[in-house]
Amino acid sequence: MKKIEEIVSELSNEQLKQGFSEINAWRKTGVLSNGIIREIHKKYTEQGDVDYPVYYMENPFLYEMARRHYSE
């Protein structure tokens, strides 16, 4: 079973950018749209019947964006 960080690390820069846009909208409206974040959440939770709250998804996305930026 892959950890959430491993799944997010496999995303393209464009997918991370889309996730960031979804996070911005989520913070403004309080509603998470159907998009890359929900898609990755579903992929993660279904691989091992894991109970992982969707509101935890922000952290792995933001971490991966920062990791890529500061590793360059």
C-alpha atoms as a PDB file:
ATOM      1  CA  MET A   1       0.000   0.000   0.000  1.00  0.00           C
ATOM      2  CA  LYS A   2       1.381   3.392  -1.004  1.00  0.00           C
ATOM      3  CA  LYS A   3       1.440   6.219   1.524  1.00  0.00           C
ATOM      4  CA  ILE A   4      -0.421   9.392   0.610  1.00  0.00           C
ATOM      5  CA  GLU A   5       2.891  11.240   0.261  1.00  0.00           C
ATOM      6  CA  GLU A   6       4.080   8.695  -2.317  1.00  0.00           C
ATOM      7  CA  ILE A   7       0.899   9.048  -4.363  1.00  0.00           C
ATOM      8  CA  VAL A   8       1.089  12.840  -4.336  1.00  0.00           C
ATOM      9  CA  SER A   9       4.799  12.776  -5.224  1.00  0.00           C
ATOM     10  CA  GLU A  10       3.913  10.957  -8.466  1.00  0.00           C
ATOM     11  CA  LEU A  11       1.693  13.820  -9.665  1.00  0.00           C
ATOM     12  CA  SER A  12       2.826  16.143 -12.410  1.00  0.00           C
ATOM     13  CA  ASN A  13       3.532  19.791 -11.723  1.00  0.00           C
ATOM     14  CA  GLU A  14       0.328  20.644 -13.585  1.00  0.00           C
ATOM     15  CA  GLN A  15      -1.703  18.332 -11.338  1.00  0.00           C
ATOM     16  CA  LEU A  16      -0.150  19.914  -8.242  1.00  0.00           C
ATOM     17  CA  LYS A  17      -0.981  23.346  -9.634  1.00  0.00           C
ATOM     18  CA  GLN A  18      -4.587  22.237 -10.132  1.00  0.00           C
ATOM     19  CA  GLY A  19      -4.635  20.912  -6.553  1.00  0.00           C
ATOM     20  CA  PHE A  20      -3.377  24.256  -5.272  1.00  0.00           C
ATOM     21  CA  SER A  21      -6.162  26.034  -7.137  1.00  0.00           C
ATOM     22  CA  GLU A  22      -8.695  23.655  -5.567  1.00  0.00           C
ATOM     23  CA  ILE A  23      -7.217  24.300  -2.099  1.00  0.00           C
ATOM     24  CA  ASN A  24      -7.486  28.078  -2.635  1.00  0.00           C
ATOM     25  CA  ALA A  25     -11.133  27.782  -3.651  1.00  0.00           C
ATOM     26  CA  TRP A  26     -11.795  25.389  -0.756  1.00  0.00           C
ATOM     27  CA  ARG A  27     -10.391  27.885   1.750  1.00  0.00           C
ATOM     28  CA  LYS A  28     -12.501  30.705   0.288  1.00  0.00           C
ATOM     29  CA  THR A  29     -15.791  28.844  -0.084  1.00  0.00           C
ATOM     30  CA  GLY A  30     -15.550  25.998   2.398  1.00  0.00           C
ATOM     31  CA  VAL A  31     -16.452  23.574  -0.406  1.00  0.00           C
ATOM     32  CA  LEU A  32     -13.984  21.177  -1.999  1.00  0.00           C
ATOM     33  CA  SER A  33     -14.773  20.734  -5.681  1.00  0.00           C
ATOM     34  CA  ASN A  34     -14.622  17.441  -7.533  1.00  0.00           C
ATOM     35  CA  GLY A  35     -11.094  17.442  -8.880  1.00  0.00           C
ATOM     36  CA  ILE A  36      -7.586  16.170  -8.348  1.00  0.00           C
ATOM     37  CA  ILE A  37      -7.700  16.331  -4.542  1.00  0.00           C
ATOM     38  CA  ARG A  38     -10.841  14.220  -4.299  1.00  0.00           C
ATOM     39  CA  GLU A  39      -9.456  11.898  -6.980  1.00  0.00           C
ATOM     40  CA  ILE A  40      -6.231  11.277  -5.029  1.00  0.00           C
ATOM     41  CA  HIS A  41      -8.177  10.933  -1.772  1.00  0.00           C
ATOM     42  CA  LYS A  42     -10.344   8.257  -3.361  1.00  0.00           C
ATOM     43  CA  LYS A  43      -7.308   6.463  -4.820  1.00  0.00           C
ATOM     44  CA  TYR A  44      -5.599   6.442  -1.414  1.00  0.00           C
ATOM     45  CA  THR A  45      -8.567   5.349   0.679  1.00  0.00           C
ATOM     46  CA  GLU A  46      -9.710   2.626  -1.722  1.00  0.00           C
ATOM     47  CA  GLN A  47      -6.323   0.938  -2.022  1.00  0.00           C
ATOM     48  CA  GLY A  48      -6.511  -0.400   1.512  1.00  0.00           C
ATOM     49  CA  ASP A  49      -9.942   0.609   2.788  1.00  0.00           C
ATOM     50  CA  VAL A  50      -8.264   3.414   4.740  1.00  0.00           C
ATOM     51  CA  ASP A  51     -10.215   5.938   6.800  1.00  0.00           C
ATOM     52  CA  TYR A  52      -8.473   9.220   5.948  1.00  0.00           C
ATOM     53  CA  PRO A  53     -10.461  12.458   6.321  1.00  0.00           C
ATOM     54  CA  VAL A  54     -10.555  14.498   3.127  1.00  0.00           C
ATOM     55  CA  TYR A  55      -9.651  17.660   5.023  1.00  0.00           C
ATOM     56  CA  TYR A  56      -6.191  16.119   5.697  1.00  0.00           C
ATOM     57  CA  MET A  57      -5.452  16.191   1.962  1.00  0.00           C
ATOM     58  CA  GLU A  58      -4.225  19.772   1.986  1.00  0.00           C
ATOM     59  CA  ASN A  59      -1.003  18.967   3.830  1.00  0.00           C
ATOM     60  CA  PRO A  60       0.478  16.350   1.445  1.00  0.00           C
ATOM     61  CA  PHE A  61      -0.242  18.577  -1.562  1.00  0.00           C
ATOM     62  CA  LEU A  62       1.295  21.693  -0.030  1.00  0.00           C
ATOM     63  CA  TYR A  63       4.290  19.727   1.270  1.00  0.00           C
ATOM     64  CA  GLU A  64       5.008  18.256  -2.165  1.00  0.00           C
ATOM     65  CA  MET A  65       4.794  21.688  -3.811  1.00  0.00           C
ATOM     66  CA  ALA A  66       7.240  23.159  -1.290  1.00  0.00           C
ATOM     67  CA  ARG A  67       9.566  20.133  -1.557  1.00  0.00           C
ATOM     68  CA  ARG A  68       9.800  20.492  -5.319  1.00  0.00           C
ATOM     69  CA  HIS A  69      10.295  24.234  -5.166  1.00  0.00           C
ATOM     70  CA  TYR A  70      13.083  24.161  -2.592  1.00  0.00           C
ATOM     71  CA  SER A  71      14.818  21.085  -4.012  1.00  0.00           C
ATOM     72  CA  GLU A  72      15.569  22.841  -7.307  1.00  0.00           C
END
